[in-house]
Amino acid sequence: MAYSRYPLSSYSRGVDARYVIGRWSAANVAANLTDSVLSTFDTRSIARKHQVFVPTLIHATWMDINTVASTTGTLTVSIFVDGADAGAAFDMVMSGYSTGDQIVAKSHSPPLVVAAGSYVDIRITTSAAWANTSADVTIALEAGPAR
């Protein structure tokens, strides 16, 4: 799998540095997907990538999904670290009806600990009832320094 080596975008929230670890995306999300790997955009090489390299120990603390209107069914977002599912406690589920852009956010408490040198990717699963096959989805994962 291709990976993005320098995607971390730093910003400050209080005294602690925070990082947005890539922005994963998929266009025209179909029904009946299972652990479909999303792409992230690497601005250094202008290439589509799947995994983000994490150079230092971090705590993943926040995730958000942004998509256009949805009608029925569910979209589940899962975090994978070094190819292994981080677990259902870190999954995020979007379901129900929305007529406009929809943003769903989830705080991870306790946070997901990601070791230095790990690779992170995001995968989605959709139900058979997922009816918005023209939906584009963008997912961001935020992290901070390990405590």
Foldseek 3Di string as FASTA:
>chain_A
DFEAEDQWDWDDDPPFIKTWQFKWKDFLDDAADDQAFTWGAHPVVRDTGGKYAAAAKKFFWKKKKKKFWWAAWKKKKFKDKQNHTLDPLPIDMDGHTDHGIDMDMDTRVVTRIHHHGIIMGMTMHIHNTGDRSRMMMMMIIMITHDD
